[in-house]
Amino acid sequence: MMRSLNFWLFMMVVVCGISLVFASGVTLPKMGELPKASVPEVQNWQTDPQEQPVHLMILNGTEHNGLARQFSLLTSGHGCVVETIGNAPGIWSKSLLVNRHLDHDAAKDLARMMGQLPMIKQWDERQTEDAVLILGEDFAKVKAALAP
């Protein structure tokens, strides 16, 4: 008895739900006719290329612990997104910017912003970052350039 009552209550809820859907103006397509899909207008979500953040890898080439992490915080206020931090092999006397994917003018602007760093180009499509900042023993110069 209880099972059949539950079944009929369920059927009544389904019929009421279908009635509400059709009452709101939904129509079924005719047999063999596909409904026309309305495609919403796509907004241009991309910004000006100059406003795109620069994706960086920061490598510590000194014996100072935590330097790459410290610089990841400094660069974030200058339109950079730090993807990776780590240690460079060996000890570097000078800091260096390695351009991986930036156009020449954007890389020069970035090197200038970081205190006129020397820059080399090393195109590598396997890497996701735009540039690599290798911090050398002269990191104080780069820190002063990035400090607010």
Protein backbone atom coordinates (compact mmCIF):
# COMPACT_ATOMS: atom_id res chain seq x y z
CA MET A 1 0.00 0.00 0.00
CA MET A 2 2.74 2.44 1.00
CA ARG A 3 4.75 1.69 -2.14
CA SER A 4 1.91 2.47 -4.49
CA LEU A 5 1.18 5.70 -2.58
CA ASN A 6 4.83 6.78 -2.96
CA PHE A 7 4.68 5.99 -6.65
CA TRP A 8 1.57 8.13 -7.19
CA LEU A 9 3.02 11.00 -5.16
CA PHE A 10 6.18 10.84 -7.27
CA MET A 11 4.15 10.85 -10.48
CA MET A 12 2.17 13.86 -9.28
CA VAL A 13 5.40 15.78 -8.55
CA VAL A 14 6.76 14.94 -12.01
CA VAL A 15 3.56 16.06 -13.76
CA CYS A 16 3.50 19.31 -11.76
CA GLY A 17 7.15 19.95 -12.61
CA ILE A 18 6.55 19.40 -16.32
CA SER A 19 3.52 21.69 -16.18
CA LEU A 20 5.60 24.45 -14.60
CA VAL A 21 8.30 24.11 -17.26
CA PHE A 22 5.80 24.42 -20.12
CA ALA A 23 3.94 27.24 -18.39
CA SER A 24 7.16 29.25 -18.33
CA GLY A 25 7.24 29.30 -22.15
CA VAL A 26 9.45 26.34 -23.03
CA THR A 27 8.48 24.68 -26.29
CA LEU A 28 9.61 21.39 -27.72
CA PRO A 29 11.10 21.29 -31.22
CA LYS A 30 9.04 19.70 -33.98
CA MET A 31 9.94 16.20 -35.00
CA GLY A 32 13.06 16.23 -37.21
CA GLU A 33 13.82 19.88 -36.51
CA LEU A 34 16.79 20.92 -34.43
CA PRO A 35 16.41 23.95 -32.20
CA LYS A 36 18.50 26.96 -33.15
CA ALA A 37 21.21 27.53 -30.63
CA SER A 38 21.76 31.08 -29.57
CA VAL A 39 25.41 31.89 -29.14
CA PRO A 40 26.08 34.60 -26.60
CA GLU A 41 28.23 37.49 -27.66
CA VAL A 42 31.81 36.88 -26.58
CA GLN A 43 33.50 39.69 -24.74
CA ASN A 44 37.13 40.36 -25.54
CA TRP A 45 38.71 39.05 -22.34
CA GLN A 46 42.26 39.70 -23.44
CA THR A 47 43.86 42.94 -22.48
CA ASP A 48 46.41 44.99 -24.30
CA PRO A 49 49.64 42.95 -24.76
CA GLN A 50 51.56 45.55 -22.74
CA GLU A 51 49.24 44.88 -19.80
CA GLN A 52 49.80 41.11 -19.76
CA PRO A 53 51.83 39.98 -16.74
CA VAL A 54 55.34 38.70 -17.31
CA HIS A 55 55.77 35.13 -16.08
CA LEU A 56 59.11 34.75 -14.29
CA MET A 57 61.34 32.06 -12.94
CA ILE A 58 63.64 33.39 -10.21
CA LEU A 59 66.85 31.51 -9.43
CA ASN A 60 69.11 32.28 -6.47
CA GLY A 61 72.74 32.29 -7.60
CA THR A 62 74.09 33.32 -4.18
CA GLU A 63 74.72 31.74 -0.79
CA HIS A 64 71.94 33.84 0.80
CA ASN A 65 69.06 31.54 1.74
CA GLY A 66 65.52 32.50 0.74
CA LEU A 67 66.58 35.19 -1.73
CA ALA A 68 64.47 33.89 -4.65
CA ARG A 69 61.37 33.79 -2.42
CA GLN A 70 62.04 37.35 -1.23
CA PHE A 71 62.36 38.59 -4.81
CA SER A 72 59.16 36.79 -5.84
CA LEU A 73 57.32 39.14 -3.50
CA LEU A 74 59.18 42.20 -4.81
CA THR A 75 58.52 41.48 -8.49
CA SER A 76 54.82 40.78 -8.03
CA GLY A 77 54.17 44.50 -7.56
CA HIS A 78 55.73 45.25 -10.95
CA GLY A 79 53.42 43.31 -13.26
CA CYS A 80 55.21 39.99 -12.88
CA VAL A 81 53.86 36.58 -11.94
CA VAL A 82 56.47 34.26 -10.46
CA GLU A 83 55.90 30.71 -11.66
CA THR A 84 58.97 29.05 -10.16
CA ILE A 85 61.69 29.80 -7.66
CA GLY A 86 64.83 27.80 -7.10
CA ASN A 87 68.61 27.80 -6.95
CA ALA A 88 70.91 28.45 -9.88
CA PRO A 89 73.86 26.11 -10.29
CA GLY A 90 76.96 27.66 -8.72
CA ILE A 91 77.58 31.15 -7.37
CA TRP A 92 76.95 34.06 -9.73
CA SER A 93 78.77 37.36 -9.27
CA LYS A 94 76.33 39.36 -11.44
CA SER A 95 72.56 39.17 -11.76
CA LEU A 96 71.22 38.37 -15.20
CA LEU A 97 67.90 38.35 -17.06
CA VAL A 98 67.31 35.51 -19.52
CA ASN A 99 64.65 36.26 -22.13
CA ARG A 100 62.72 33.11 -23.05
CA HIS A 101 59.54 34.33 -24.78
CA LEU A 102 59.32 38.14 -24.62
CA ASP A 103 59.76 40.41 -27.59
CA HIS A 104 63.00 42.39 -27.50
CA ASP A 105 61.47 45.70 -26.37
CA ALA A 106 59.50 44.12 -23.52
CA ALA A 107 62.59 42.27 -22.33
CA LYS A 108 64.64 45.48 -22.44
CA ASP A 109 61.98 47.28 -20.39
CA LEU A 110 62.00 44.47 -17.84
CA ALA A 111 65.81 44.53 -17.58
CA ARG A 112 65.70 48.32 -17.19
CA MET A 113 63.05 48.07 -14.45
CA MET A 114 65.28 45.63 -12.57
CA GLY A 115 68.23 48.03 -12.49
CA GLN A 116 69.68 47.82 -16.02
CA LEU A 117 70.41 44.10 -15.80
CA PRO A 118 72.43 42.49 -18.56
CA MET A 119 70.18 40.36 -20.73
CA ILE A 120 70.61 37.34 -22.94
CA LYS A 121 68.08 35.61 -25.17
CA GLN A 122 67.56 31.88 -24.80
CA TRP A 123 64.44 30.84 -26.69
CA ASP A 124 62.97 27.69 -25.20
CA GLU A 125 59.46 26.63 -26.22
CA ARG A 126 59.45 23.82 -23.65
CA GLN A 127 59.44 26.35 -20.80
CA THR A 128 56.34 28.27 -19.74
CA GLU A 129 57.98 31.32 -18.20
CA ASP A 130 58.66 34.45 -20.24
CA ALA A 131 61.97 35.25 -18.54
CA VAL A 132 64.39 33.98 -15.91
CA LEU A 133 65.90 36.26 -13.29
CA ILE A 134 69.18 34.87 -11.97
CA LEU A 135 70.19 36.67 -8.80
CA GLY A 136 73.91 37.17 -8.37
CA GLU A 137 76.01 38.65 -5.57
CA ASP A 138 75.00 42.14 -6.79
CA PHE A 139 71.34 41.40 -5.88
CA ALA A 140 71.18 44.56 -3.72
CA LYS A 141 71.18 46.64 -6.95
CA VAL A 142 68.15 44.72 -8.25
CA LYS A 143 66.44 44.94 -4.87
CA ALA A 144 66.92 48.73 -4.79
CA ALA A 145 65.43 49.04 -8.29
CA LEU A 146 62.36 46.97 -7.33
CA ALA A 147 61.82 48.43 -3.86
CA PRO A 148 58.77 50.70 -3.54
